[in-house]
């Protein structure tokens, strides 16, 4: 059998793993268009994209939008404390390490086999300060992380109109907000259908839990034309108008940011 040193990049990074919790197979495959990039699939669905060669380059639009919000959470290049609820292929953890070296990060994933598989096939850069936790996001938040405070908490669990009721609620957002430093932000990716039923309920829940909330997405998403992702951002202070300007400039385009009375039309 060839030694690991003699393996090609594809042999080193590609593979398949059975996930016992969901009964599905996960696969990591090379991106045929971008050198040094890999795609994580779970079942038949693309779940994550990782560019090992350029981890600051994010392929998926909704993850780029989250990255732009993280960029505003602290001065450029400053190390932060970040919590990822839903690890996936750790795309955002890689982004934070690339743009804010020395950041202290925690990642929570329900599926142990998935996290082990990702870290084996797509290891984090040397020197990354990342602690991983296996379990339900709300339980880990309460039990393991109760003494920690974060600049950014990122929730990337919702993938459709059905969402875990114990997470898609005001009480969970209150608990997550309690883990934020005074100037910290809560970032929630909500994947939803065109009717935006889940988005509307989560805007309402976050508004009851936090002083202010804004929504950031491709502009057509707010018209309810098609399914997709909307990024909700909760802050512990009034939403800064300058952040709207920055996020609209950074895109991806076309982009829209709703806050204040503008957000009322998709809340309930």
C-alpha atoms as a PDB file:
ATOM      1  CA  UNK A   1       0.000   0.000   0.000  1.00  0.00           C
ATOM      2  CA  UNK A   2       1.450   3.435  -0.917  1.00  0.00           C
ATOM      3  CA  UNK A   3       2.457   5.719   1.943  1.00  0.00           C
ATOM      4  CA  UNK A   4       0.359   8.796   2.632  1.00  0.00           C
ATOM      5  CA  UNK A   5       3.257  10.976   1.467  1.00  0.00           C
ATOM      6  CA  UNK A   6       3.004   9.382  -1.981  1.00  0.00           C
ATOM      7  CA  UNK A   7      -0.746   9.834  -2.316  1.00  0.00           C
ATOM      8  CA  UNK A   8      -2.088  12.281  -4.848  1.00  0.00           C
ATOM      9  CA  UNK A   9      -4.211  15.180  -3.535  1.00  0.00           C
ATOM     10  CA  UNK A  10      -7.343  13.433  -4.798  1.00  0.00           C
ATOM     11  CA  UNK A  11      -6.439  10.209  -2.971  1.00  0.00           C
ATOM     12  CA  UNK A  12      -5.636  12.162   0.168  1.00  0.00           C
ATOM     13  CA  UNK A  13      -8.783  14.278   0.253  1.00  0.00           C
ATOM     14  CA  UNK A  14     -11.518  12.311  -1.524  1.00  0.00           C
ATOM     15  CA  UNK A  15     -13.551   9.552   0.106  1.00  0.00           C
ATOM     16  CA  UNK A  16     -16.889   8.247   1.345  1.00  0.00           C
ATOM     17  CA  UNK A  17     -18.247   7.649   4.850  1.00  0.00           C
ATOM     18  CA  UNK A  18     -21.473   6.145   6.151  1.00  0.00           C
ATOM     19  CA  UNK A  19     -23.292   8.378   8.644  1.00  0.00           C
ATOM     20  CA  UNK A  20     -25.026   6.275  11.246  1.00  0.00           C
ATOM     21  CA  UNK A  21     -27.215   9.041  12.671  1.00  0.00           C
ATOM     22  CA  UNK A  22     -28.940   9.782   9.365  1.00  0.00           C
ATOM     23  CA  UNK A  23     -28.299   6.522   7.529  1.00  0.00           C
ATOM     24  CA  UNK A  24     -26.849   8.417   4.568  1.00  0.00           C
ATOM     25  CA  UNK A  25     -23.465   8.390   2.894  1.00  0.00           C
ATOM     26  CA  UNK A  26     -21.188  11.432   2.887  1.00  0.00           C
ATOM     27  CA  UNK A  27     -18.743  11.909   0.039  1.00  0.00           C
ATOM     28  CA  UNK A  28     -15.928  14.371  -0.531  1.00  0.00           C
ATOM     29  CA  UNK A  29     -15.056  14.911  -4.186  1.00  0.00           C
ATOM     30  CA  UNK A  30     -12.656  17.232  -5.978  1.00  0.00           C
ATOM     31  CA  UNK A  31     -14.206  20.287  -7.605  1.00  0.00           C
ATOM     32  CA  UNK A  32     -13.525  19.819 -11.299  1.00  0.00           C
ATOM     33  CA  UNK A  33     -13.409  23.568 -11.941  1.00  0.00           C
ATOM     34  CA  UNK A  34     -11.394  24.976  -9.022  1.00  0.00           C
ATOM     35  CA  UNK A  35      -7.938  23.570  -8.239  1.00  0.00           C
ATOM     36  CA  UNK A  36      -7.526  22.728  -4.575  1.00  0.00           C
ATOM     37  CA  UNK A  37     -11.264  22.825  -3.874  1.00  0.00           C
ATOM     38  CA  UNK A  38     -13.543  20.002  -2.722  1.00  0.00           C
ATOM     39  CA  UNK A  39     -17.272  19.417  -2.415  1.00  0.00           C
ATOM     40  CA  UNK A  40     -18.956  17.632   0.492  1.00  0.00           C
ATOM     41  CA  UNK A  41     -22.107  15.737  -0.492  1.00  0.00           C
ATOM     42  CA  UNK A  42     -24.555  14.088   1.874  1.00  0.00           C
ATOM     43  CA  UNK A  43     -26.811  11.690   0.055  1.00  0.00           C
ATOM     44  CA  UNK A  44     -27.514  13.289  -3.309  1.00  0.00           C
ATOM     45  CA  UNK A  45     -27.226  16.885  -2.079  1.00  0.00           C
ATOM     46  CA  UNK A  46     -24.234  19.223  -2.164  1.00  0.00           C
ATOM     47  CA  UNK A  47     -23.748  20.302   1.426  1.00  0.00           C
ATOM     48  CA  UNK A  48     -20.518  22.297   1.546  1.00  0.00           C
ATOM     49  CA  UNK A  49     -17.658  23.576  -0.584  1.00  0.00           C
ATOM     50  CA  UNK A  50     -14.104  23.988   0.701  1.00  0.00           C
ATOM     51  CA  UNK A  51     -11.216  25.663  -1.072  1.00  0.00           C
ATOM     52  CA  UNK A  52      -8.134  24.308   0.686  1.00  0.00           C
ATOM     53  CA  UNK A  53      -5.836  26.384  -1.509  1.00  0.00           C
ATOM     54  CA  UNK A  54      -7.684  29.668  -0.808  1.00  0.00           C
ATOM     55  CA  UNK A  55      -9.848  29.283   2.313  1.00  0.00           C
ATOM     56  CA  UNK A  56     -10.726  32.992   2.280  1.00  0.00           C
ATOM     57  CA  UNK A  57     -12.517  32.393  -1.044  1.00  0.00           C
ATOM     58  CA  UNK A  58     -16.052  31.136  -0.369  1.00  0.00           C
ATOM     59  CA  UNK A  59     -17.978  29.550  -3.234  1.00  0.00           C
ATOM     60  CA  UNK A  60     -21.559  29.419  -1.913  1.00  0.00           C
ATOM     61  CA  UNK A  61     -23.282  32.801  -1.994  1.00  0.00           C
ATOM     62  CA  UNK A  62     -25.069  32.472   1.349  1.00  0.00           C
ATOM     63  CA  UNK A  63     -21.803  31.564   3.100  1.00  0.00           C
ATOM     64  CA  UNK A  64     -20.084  34.549   1.490  1.00  0.00           C
ATOM     65  CA  UNK A  65     -22.813  36.750   2.930  1.00  0.00           C
ATOM     66  CA  UNK A  66     -22.202  35.285   6.389  1.00  0.00           C
ATOM     67  CA  UNK A  67     -18.484  35.887   5.922  1.00  0.00           C
ATOM     68  CA  UNK A  68     -19.176  39.551   5.119  1.00  0.00           C
ATOM     69  CA  UNK A  69     -21.159  39.918   8.348  1.00  0.00           C
ATOM     70  CA  UNK A  70     -18.284  38.334  10.277  1.00  0.00           C
ATOM     71  CA  UNK A  71     -15.976  40.865   8.621  1.00  0.00           C
ATOM     72  CA  UNK A  72     -17.987  43.672  10.253  1.00  0.00           C
ATOM     73  CA  UNK A  73     -18.080  42.094  13.711  1.00  0.00           C
ATOM     74  CA  UNK A  74     -14.571  43.265  14.663  1.00  0.00           C
ATOM     75  CA  UNK A  75     -11.758  45.373  13.163  1.00  0.00           C
ATOM     76  CA  UNK A  76     -10.100  43.850  10.105  1.00  0.00           C
ATOM     77  CA  UNK A  77      -7.674  41.033  10.941  1.00  0.00           C
ATOM     78  CA  UNK A  78      -8.458  41.021  14.668  1.00  0.00           C
ATOM     79  CA  UNK A  79      -8.746  37.570  16.236  1.00  0.00           C
ATOM     80  CA  UNK A  80     -12.221  36.764  17.545  1.00  0.00           C
ATOM     81  CA  UNK A  81     -14.040  34.055  19.471  1.00  0.00           C
ATOM     82  CA  UNK A  82     -16.512  32.264  17.209  1.00  0.00           C
ATOM     83  CA  UNK A  83     -19.071  29.512  17.795  1.00  0.00           C
ATOM     84  CA  UNK A  84     -20.373  27.439  14.879  1.00  0.00           C
ATOM     85  CA  UNK A  85     -23.625  25.569  15.553  1.00  0.00           C
ATOM     86  CA  UNK A  86     -23.672  23.146  12.646  1.00  0.00           C
ATOM     87  CA  UNK A  87     -20.175  22.390  11.390  1.00  0.00           C
ATOM     88  CA  UNK A  88     -20.610  21.042   7.854  1.00  0.00           C
ATOM     89  CA  UNK A  89     -17.214  21.078   6.165  1.00  0.00           C
ATOM     90  CA  UNK A  90     -16.037  23.925   8.450  1.00  0.00           C
ATOM     91  CA  UNK A  91     -15.967  26.374   5.546  1.00  0.00           C
ATOM     92  CA  UNK A  92     -16.608  29.395   7.768  1.00  0.00           C
ATOM     93  CA  UNK A  93     -14.167  28.239  10.428  1.00  0.00           C
ATOM     94  CA  UNK A  94     -11.512  28.087   7.695  1.00  0.00           C
ATOM     95  CA  UNK A  95     -12.522  31.545   6.493  1.00  0.00           C
ATOM     96  CA  UNK A  96     -12.202  33.026   9.976  1.00  0.00           C
ATOM     97  CA  UNK A  97      -8.787  31.438  10.497  1.00  0.00           C
ATOM     98  CA  UNK A  98      -7.613  32.767   7.112  1.00  0.00           C
ATOM     99  CA  UNK A  99      -8.886  36.306   7.680  1.00  0.00           C
ATOM    100  CA  UNK A 100      -8.453  36.509  11.464  1.00  0.00           C
ATOM    101  CA  UNK A 101      -5.491  34.271  12.388  1.00  0.00           C
ATOM    102  CA  UNK A 102      -5.381  33.150  15.995  1.00  0.00           C
ATOM    103  CA  UNK A 103      -9.142  33.229  16.485  1.00  0.00           C
ATOM    104  CA  UNK A 104     -10.546  30.855  19.094  1.00  0.00           C
ATOM    105  CA  UNK A 105     -13.303  28.762  17.542  1.00  0.00           C
ATOM    106  CA  UNK A 106     -15.745  26.091  18.659  1.00  0.00           C
ATOM    107  CA  UNK A 107     -17.805  23.918  16.317  1.00  0.00           C
ATOM    108  CA  UNK A 108     -20.824  21.821  17.296  1.00  0.00           C
ATOM    109  CA  UNK A 109     -21.993  18.961  15.082  1.00  0.00           C
ATOM    110  CA  UNK A 110     -24.651  16.336  15.772  1.00  0.00           C
ATOM    111  CA  UNK A 111     -23.076  13.720  13.479  1.00  0.00           C
ATOM    112  CA  UNK A 112     -19.770  12.428  14.884  1.00  0.00           C
ATOM    113  CA  UNK A 113     -18.892  10.467  11.735  1.00  0.00           C
ATOM    114  CA  UNK A 114     -19.359  13.555   9.574  1.00  0.00           C
ATOM    115  CA  UNK A 115     -17.048  15.721  11.644  1.00  0.00           C
ATOM    116  CA  UNK A 116     -14.399  12.992  11.891  1.00  0.00           C
ATOM    117  CA  UNK A 117     -14.627  12.442   8.118  1.00  0.00           C
ATOM    118  CA  UNK A 118     -14.241  16.150   7.309  1.00  0.00           C
ATOM    119  CA  UNK A 119     -11.280  16.627   9.639  1.00  0.00           C
ATOM    120  CA  UNK A 120      -9.572  13.494   8.298  1.00  0.00           C
ATOM    121  CA  UNK A 121     -10.000  14.312   4.611  1.00  0.00           C
ATOM    122  CA  UNK A 122      -9.975  18.119   4.753  1.00  0.00           C
ATOM    123  CA  UNK A 123      -7.832  18.960   7.785  1.00  0.00           C
ATOM    124  CA  UNK A 124      -7.751  22.461   9.207  1.00  0.00           C
ATOM    125  CA  UNK A 125      -4.622  24.566   8.630  1.00  0.00           C
ATOM    126  CA  UNK A 126      -1.787  24.109  11.105  1.00  0.00           C
ATOM    127  CA  UNK A 127      -2.164  26.368  14.102  1.00  0.00           C
ATOM    128  CA  UNK A 128      -5.964  26.628  13.914  1.00  0.00           C
ATOM    129  CA  UNK A 129      -7.496  26.961  17.377  1.00  0.00           C
ATOM    130  CA  UNK A 130     -10.659  24.917  16.894  1.00  0.00           C
ATOM    131  CA  UNK A 131     -12.394  22.817  19.530  1.00  0.00           C
ATOM    132  CA  UNK A 132     -15.098  20.435  18.324  1.00  0.00           C
ATOM    133  CA  UNK A 133     -18.152  19.197  20.208  1.00  0.00           C
ATOM    134  CA  UNK A 134     -20.526  16.371  19.292  1.00  0.00           C
ATOM    135  CA  UNK A 135     -24.175  16.714  20.224  1.00  0.00           C
ATOM    136  CA  UNK A 136     -27.364  18.711  19.894  1.00  0.00           C
ATOM    137  CA  UNK A 137     -26.649  22.411  19.383  1.00  0.00           C
ATOM    138  CA  UNK A 138     -28.891  23.621  22.203  1.00  0.00           C
ATOM    139  CA  UNK A 139     -27.680  21.015  24.672  1.00  0.00           C
ATOM    140  CA  UNK A 140     -24.011  21.708  23.958  1.00  0.00           C
ATOM    141  CA  UNK A 141     -24.638  25.438  24.219  1.00  0.00           C
ATOM    142  CA  UNK A 142     -26.141  24.958  27.675  1.00  0.00           C
ATOM    143  CA  UNK A 143     -23.868  22.252  29.063  1.00  0.00           C
ATOM    144  CA  UNK A 144     -20.401  22.653  27.591  1.00  0.00           C
ATOM    145  CA  UNK A 145     -20.195  26.292  26.617  1.00  0.00           C
ATOM    146  CA  UNK A 146     -22.025  28.018  29.451  1.00  0.00           C
ATOM    147  CA  UNK A 147     -18.932  29.866  30.680  1.00  0.00           C
ATOM    148  CA  UNK A 148     -17.756  31.054  27.264  1.00  0.00           C
ATOM    149  CA  UNK A 149     -18.495  34.348  25.518  1.00  0.00           C
ATOM    150  CA  UNK A 150     -18.282  34.880  21.763  1.00  0.00           C
ATOM    151  CA  UNK A 151     -17.942  37.704  19.288  1.00  0.00           C
ATOM    152  CA  UNK A 152     -19.884  35.697  16.719  1.00  0.00           C
ATOM    153  CA  UNK A 153     -22.360  32.834  17.044  1.00  0.00           C
ATOM    154  CA  UNK A 154     -23.285  31.264  13.692  1.00  0.00           C
ATOM    155  CA  UNK A 155     -26.259  28.918  13.390  1.00  0.00           C
ATOM    156  CA  UNK A 156     -26.318  26.932  10.139  1.00  0.00           C
ATOM    157  CA  UNK A 157     -28.719  24.083  10.799  1.00  0.00           C
ATOM    158  CA  UNK A 158     -31.988  24.989   9.066  1.00  0.00           C
ATOM    159  CA  UNK A 159     -32.210  23.547   5.563  1.00  0.00           C
ATOM    160  CA  UNK A 160     -35.886  23.822   4.742  1.00  0.00           C
ATOM    161  CA  UNK A 161     -39.324  24.695   6.110  1.00  0.00           C
ATOM    162  CA  UNK A 162     -39.059  21.919   8.702  1.00  0.00           C
ATOM    163  CA  UNK A 163     -36.772  22.924  11.550  1.00  0.00           C
ATOM    164  CA  UNK A 164     -36.043  21.509  15.026  1.00  0.00           C
ATOM    165  CA  UNK A 165     -38.693  23.133  17.218  1.00  0.00           C
ATOM    166  CA  UNK A 166     -36.388  23.364  20.239  1.00  0.00           C
ATOM    167  CA  UNK A 167     -33.940  25.462  18.195  1.00  0.00           C
ATOM    168  CA  UNK A 168     -36.308  27.478  15.986  1.00  0.00           C
ATOM    169  CA  UNK A 169     -37.730  29.401  18.945  1.00  0.00           C
ATOM    170  CA  UNK A 170     -37.352  32.533  21.049  1.00  0.00           C
ATOM    171  CA  UNK A 171     -35.922  30.658  24.036  1.00  0.00           C
ATOM    172  CA  UNK A 172     -33.041  29.244  22.036  1.00  0.00           C
ATOM    173  CA  UNK A 173     -32.167  32.667  20.625  1.00  0.00           C
ATOM    174  CA  UNK A 174     -32.211  34.119  24.125  1.00  0.00           C
ATOM    175  CA  UNK A 175     -29.760  31.433  25.231  1.00  0.00           C
ATOM    176  CA  UNK A 176     -27.527  32.055  22.210  1.00  0.00           C
ATOM    177  CA  UNK A 177     -27.637  35.823  22.756  1.00  0.00           C
ATOM    178  CA  UNK A 178     -26.552  35.296  26.363  1.00  0.00           C
ATOM    179  CA  UNK A 179     -23.303  33.772  25.018  1.00  0.00           C
ATOM    180  CA  UNK A 180     -22.465  36.935  23.081  1.00  0.00           C
ATOM    181  CA  UNK A 181     -20.059  39.592  24.213  1.00  0.00           C
ATOM    182  CA  UNK A 182     -21.631  43.074  24.452  1.00  0.00           C
ATOM    183  CA  UNK A 183     -20.689  43.852  20.836  1.00  0.00           C
ATOM    184  CA  UNK A 184     -21.237  40.299  19.544  1.00  0.00           C
ATOM    185  CA  UNK A 185     -23.567  39.236  16.743  1.00  0.00           C
ATOM    186  CA  UNK A 186     -25.805  36.224  16.203  1.00  0.00           C
ATOM    187  CA  UNK A 187     -25.900  35.058  12.572  1.00  0.00           C
ATOM    188  CA  UNK A 188     -28.564  32.573  11.461  1.00  0.00           C
ATOM    189  CA  UNK A 189     -28.810  30.989   8.026  1.00  0.00           C
ATOM    190  CA  UNK A 190     -32.409  30.129   7.209  1.00  0.00           C
ATOM    191  CA  UNK A 191     -32.996  27.938   4.171  1.00  0.00           C
ATOM    192  CA  UNK A 192     -36.648  28.169   3.209  1.00  0.00           C
ATOM    193  CA  UNK A 193     -39.239  27.746   0.496  1.00  0.00           C
ATOM    194  CA  UNK A 194     -40.634  30.647  -1.529  1.00  0.00           C
ATOM    195  CA  UNK A 195     -43.422  31.352   0.981  1.00  0.00           C
ATOM    196  CA  UNK A 196     -40.749  32.182   3.614  1.00  0.00           C
ATOM    197  CA  UNK A 197     -42.804  30.592   6.386  1.00  0.00           C
ATOM    198  CA  UNK A 198     -39.747  29.620   8.420  1.00  0.00           C
ATOM    199  CA  UNK A 199     -37.996  32.929   7.780  1.00  0.00           C
ATOM    200  CA  UNK A 200     -41.019  34.873   9.039  1.00  0.00           C
ATOM    201  CA  UNK A 201     -41.260  32.819  12.215  1.00  0.00           C
ATOM    202  CA  UNK A 202     -37.526  33.134  12.900  1.00  0.00           C
ATOM    203  CA  UNK A 203     -37.506  36.894  12.385  1.00  0.00           C
ATOM    204  CA  UNK A 204     -40.311  37.156  14.928  1.00  0.00           C
ATOM    205  CA  UNK A 205     -38.553  34.843  17.405  1.00  0.00           C
ATOM    206  CA  UNK A 206     -35.217  36.649  17.095  1.00  0.00           C
ATOM    207  CA  UNK A 207     -36.886  40.047  17.485  1.00  0.00           C
ATOM    208  CA  UNK A 208     -38.380  38.909  20.789  1.00  0.00           C
ATOM    209  CA  UNK A 209     -34.980  37.671  21.957  1.00  0.00           C
ATOM    210  CA  UNK A 210     -32.631  40.455  20.799  1.00  0.00           C
ATOM    211  CA  UNK A 211     -32.679  44.262  20.623  1.00  0.00           C
ATOM    212  CA  UNK A 212     -32.445  44.387  16.827  1.00  0.00           C
ATOM    213  CA  UNK A 213     -32.500  42.087  13.797  1.00  0.00           C
ATOM    214  CA  UNK A 214     -31.684  42.525  10.103  1.00  0.00           C
ATOM    215  CA  UNK A 215     -32.027  40.227   7.094  1.00  0.00           C
ATOM    216  CA  UNK A 216     -29.483  39.922   4.258  1.00  0.00           C
ATOM    217  CA  UNK A 217     -30.037  37.974   1.042  1.00  0.00           C
ATOM    218  CA  UNK A 218     -30.244  38.011  -2.721  1.00  0.00           C
ATOM    219  CA  UNK A 219     -32.871  40.677  -3.389  1.00  0.00           C
ATOM    220  CA  UNK A 220     -35.309  38.330  -5.136  1.00  0.00           C
ATOM    221  CA  UNK A 221     -35.588  36.169  -2.025  1.00  0.00           C
ATOM    222  CA  UNK A 222     -37.621  38.824  -0.230  1.00  0.00           C
ATOM    223  CA  UNK A 223     -40.175  38.845  -3.050  1.00  0.00           C
ATOM    224  CA  UNK A 224     -40.962  35.193  -2.349  1.00  0.00           C
ATOM    225  CA  UNK A 225     -40.205  34.087  -5.890  1.00  0.00           C
ATOM    226  CA  UNK A 226     -38.169  30.969  -5.168  1.00  0.00           C
ATOM    227  CA  UNK A 227     -36.610  28.918  -2.367  1.00  0.00           C
ATOM    228  CA  UNK A 228     -33.209  29.882  -1.028  1.00  0.00           C
ATOM    229  CA  UNK A 229     -31.291  31.272   1.923  1.00  0.00           C
ATOM    230  CA  UNK A 230     -31.808  34.395   3.988  1.00  0.00           C
ATOM    231  CA  UNK A 231     -29.233  35.443   6.579  1.00  0.00           C
ATOM    232  CA  UNK A 232     -30.667  36.862   9.805  1.00  0.00           C
ATOM    233  CA  UNK A 233     -28.370  38.945  11.992  1.00  0.00           C
ATOM    234  CA  UNK A 234     -29.210  39.744  15.590  1.00  0.00           C
ATOM    235  CA  UNK A 235     -27.387  42.515  17.437  1.00  0.00           C
ATOM    236  CA  UNK A 236     -27.384  43.714  21.027  1.00  0.00           C
ATOM    237  CA  UNK A 237     -27.620  47.329  19.884  1.00  0.00           C
ATOM    238  CA  UNK A 238     -29.567  49.204  17.151  1.00  0.00           C
ATOM    239  CA  UNK A 239     -28.666  47.956  13.672  1.00  0.00           C
ATOM    240  CA  UNK A 240     -25.956  50.274  12.239  1.00  0.00           C
ATOM    241  CA  UNK A 241     -26.979  51.876   8.943  1.00  0.00           C
ATOM    242  CA  UNK A 242     -23.324  51.732   7.927  1.00  0.00           C
ATOM    243  CA  UNK A 243     -23.495  47.937   8.021  1.00  0.00           C
ATOM    244  CA  UNK A 244     -26.306  48.011   5.477  1.00  0.00           C
ATOM    245  CA  UNK A 245     -24.156  50.136   3.173  1.00  0.00           C
ATOM    246  CA  UNK A 246     -21.169  47.806   3.595  1.00  0.00           C
ATOM    247  CA  UNK A 247     -23.126  44.611   3.028  1.00  0.00           C
ATOM    248  CA  UNK A 248     -24.851  45.953  -0.070  1.00  0.00           C
ATOM    249  CA  UNK A 249     -21.496  46.990  -1.490  1.00  0.00           C
ATOM    250  CA  UNK A 250     -19.892  43.611  -0.810  1.00  0.00           C
ATOM    251  CA  UNK A 251     -22.725  41.539  -2.276  1.00  0.00           C
ATOM    252  CA  UNK A 252     -22.951  38.990  -3.814  1.00  0.00           C
ATOM    253  CA  UNK A 253     -25.168  41.000  -6.140  1.00  0.00           C
ATOM    254  CA  UNK A 254     -28.024  41.685  -6.394  1.00  0.00           C
ATOM    255  CA  UNK A 255     -28.361  42.050  -2.643  1.00  0.00           C
ATOM    256  CA  UNK A 256     -30.837  43.513  -0.186  1.00  0.00           C
ATOM    257  CA  UNK A 257     -30.691  44.237   3.534  1.00  0.00           C
ATOM    258  CA  UNK A 258     -33.940  44.696   5.462  1.00  0.00           C
ATOM    259  CA  UNK A 259     -34.019  46.221   8.949  1.00  0.00           C
ATOM    260  CA  UNK A 260     -36.432  48.222  11.069  1.00  0.00           C
ATOM    261  CA  UNK A 261     -39.813  48.861   9.443  1.00  0.00           C
ATOM    262  CA  UNK A 262     -38.578  47.329   6.178  1.00  0.00           C
ATOM    263  CA  UNK A 263     -38.237  43.994   7.957  1.00  0.00           C
ATOM    264  CA  UNK A 264     -41.819  44.181   9.229  1.00  0.00           C
ATOM    265  CA  UNK A 265     -43.145  42.947   5.904  1.00  0.00           C
ATOM    266  CA  UNK A 266     -41.569  39.511   6.348  1.00  0.00           C
ATOM    267  CA  UNK A 267     -42.163  39.151  10.083  1.00  0.00           C
ATOM    268  CA  UNK A 268     -45.277  37.953  11.814  1.00  0.00           C
END
